[in-house]
Amino acid sequence: MKTLKKLALAAVAASPVLAFAASGPDLTQLTDAIDFTTVSTAVLAIAGLLATVYVAIRGAKTVIGMIRG
């Protein structure tokens, strides 16, 4: 019975904390000032560059494999 009382007390004590955590803090003032378009363009450019390098390496391996027979 003591364990049940302790558990109930802990649930009651944690409920305001859980209610605050469910809503989360309002970060719109911070996130509105940041523009991610240049970052996403840079990430896509790097991904395209890596894909090109991968295709070039794969093509070279294929050609070398054909030459060796």
C-alpha atoms as a PDB file:
ATOM      1  CA  MET A   1       0.000   0.000   0.000  1.00  0.00           C
ATOM      2  CA  LYS A   2       2.899   2.350   0.750  1.00  0.00           C
ATOM      3  CA  THR A   3       4.264   1.822  -2.751  1.00  0.00           C
ATOM      4  CA  LEU A   4       0.916   2.781  -4.271  1.00  0.00           C
ATOM      5  CA  LYS A   5       0.804   5.984  -2.202  1.00  0.00           C
ATOM      6  CA  LYS A   6       4.348   6.885  -3.235  1.00  0.00           C
ATOM      7  CA  LEU A   7       3.517   6.233  -6.869  1.00  0.00           C
ATOM      8  CA  ALA A   8       0.377   8.376  -6.674  1.00  0.00           C
ATOM      9  CA  LEU A   9       2.304  11.181  -4.970  1.00  0.00           C
ATOM     10  CA  ALA A  10       5.000  11.054  -7.642  1.00  0.00           C
ATOM     11  CA  ALA A  11       2.359  11.182 -10.398  1.00  0.00           C
ATOM     12  CA  VAL A  12       0.688  14.211  -8.830  1.00  0.00           C
ATOM     13  CA  ALA A  13       4.028  15.964  -8.320  1.00  0.00           C
ATOM     14  CA  ALA A  14       5.143  15.295 -11.905  1.00  0.00           C
ATOM     15  CA  SER A  15       1.910  16.344 -13.606  1.00  0.00           C
ATOM     16  CA  PRO A  16       2.732  20.097 -13.896  1.00  0.00           C
ATOM     17  CA  VAL A  17       6.134  19.261 -15.337  1.00  0.00           C
ATOM     18  CA  LEU A  18       4.628  16.872 -17.850  1.00  0.00           C
ATOM     19  CA  ALA A  19       1.969  19.415 -18.828  1.00  0.00           C
ATOM     20  CA  PHE A  20       4.667  22.021 -19.552  1.00  0.00           C
ATOM     21  CA  ALA A  21       6.758  19.513 -21.501  1.00  0.00           C
ATOM     22  CA  ALA A  22       3.778  18.503 -23.636  1.00  0.00           C
ATOM     23  CA  SER A  23       3.217  22.042 -24.882  1.00  0.00           C
ATOM     24  CA  GLY A  24       6.907  22.866 -25.291  1.00  0.00           C
ATOM     25  CA  PRO A  25       8.502  26.286 -25.301  1.00  0.00           C
ATOM     26  CA  ASP A  26       7.575  28.850 -27.955  1.00  0.00           C
ATOM     27  CA  LEU A  27      10.632  29.325 -30.186  1.00  0.00           C
ATOM     28  CA  THR A  28       8.981  31.186 -33.060  1.00  0.00           C
ATOM     29  CA  GLN A  29      10.893  34.387 -32.352  1.00  0.00           C
ATOM     30  CA  LEU A  30      14.191  32.543 -32.764  1.00  0.00           C
ATOM     31  CA  THR A  31      13.249  30.423 -35.762  1.00  0.00           C
ATOM     32  CA  ASP A  32      11.589  33.224 -37.744  1.00  0.00           C
ATOM     33  CA  ALA A  33      14.880  35.125 -37.934  1.00  0.00           C
ATOM     34  CA  ILE A  34      16.769  32.222 -39.559  1.00  0.00           C
ATOM     35  CA  ASP A  35      16.653  31.531 -43.311  1.00  0.00           C
ATOM     36  CA  PHE A  36      17.524  27.935 -44.217  1.00  0.00           C
ATOM     37  CA  THR A  37      17.268  28.265 -48.009  1.00  0.00           C
ATOM     38  CA  THR A  38      20.998  28.799 -48.507  1.00  0.00           C
ATOM     39  CA  VAL A  39      21.813  25.904 -46.222  1.00  0.00           C
ATOM     40  CA  SER A  40      19.504  23.531 -48.074  1.00  0.00           C
ATOM     41  CA  THR A  41      20.983  24.659 -51.402  1.00  0.00           C
ATOM     42  CA  ALA A  42      24.485  23.949 -50.132  1.00  0.00           C
ATOM     43  CA  VAL A  43      23.503  20.522 -48.803  1.00  0.00           C
ATOM     44  CA  LEU A  44      21.889  19.586 -52.133  1.00  0.00           C
ATOM     45  CA  ALA A  45      24.944  20.827 -54.052  1.00  0.00           C
ATOM     46  CA  ILE A  46      27.278  18.710 -51.927  1.00  0.00           C
ATOM     47  CA  ALA A  47      25.002  15.690 -52.343  1.00  0.00           C
ATOM     48  CA  GLY A  48      25.041  16.193 -56.117  1.00  0.00           C
ATOM     49  CA  LEU A  49      28.820  16.463 -56.101  1.00  0.00           C
ATOM     50  CA  LEU A  50      29.161  13.242 -54.109  1.00  0.00           C
ATOM     51  CA  ALA A  51      26.742  11.466 -56.454  1.00  0.00           C
ATOM     52  CA  THR A  52      28.808  12.605 -59.455  1.00  0.00           C
ATOM     53  CA  VAL A  53      32.011  11.337 -57.873  1.00  0.00           C
ATOM     54  CA  TYR A  54      30.339   8.003 -57.070  1.00  0.00           C
ATOM     55  CA  VAL A  55      29.083   7.618 -60.646  1.00  0.00           C
ATOM     56  CA  ALA A  56      32.530   8.459 -62.028  1.00  0.00           C
ATOM     57  CA  ILE A  57      34.232   5.900 -59.798  1.00  0.00           C
ATOM     58  CA  ARG A  58      31.625   3.256 -60.645  1.00  0.00           C
ATOM     59  CA  GLY A  59      32.047   3.977 -64.374  1.00  0.00           C
ATOM     60  CA  ALA A  60      35.815   3.724 -64.131  1.00  0.00           C
ATOM     61  CA  LYS A  61      35.535   0.375 -62.344  1.00  0.00           C
ATOM     62  CA  THR A  62      33.179  -0.880 -65.043  1.00  0.00           C
ATOM     63  CA  VAL A  63      35.521   0.199 -67.861  1.00  0.00           C
ATOM     64  CA  ILE A  64      38.547  -1.360 -66.135  1.00  0.00           C
ATOM     65  CA  GLY A  65      36.550  -4.558 -65.646  1.00  0.00           C
ATOM     66  CA  MET A  66      35.713  -4.645 -69.381  1.00  0.00           C
ATOM     67  CA  ILE A  67      39.337  -4.084 -70.346  1.00  0.00           C
ATOM     68  CA  ARG A  68      40.572  -6.864 -68.094  1.00  0.00           C
ATOM     69  CA  GLY A  69      37.900  -9.131 -69.550  1.00  0.00           C
END
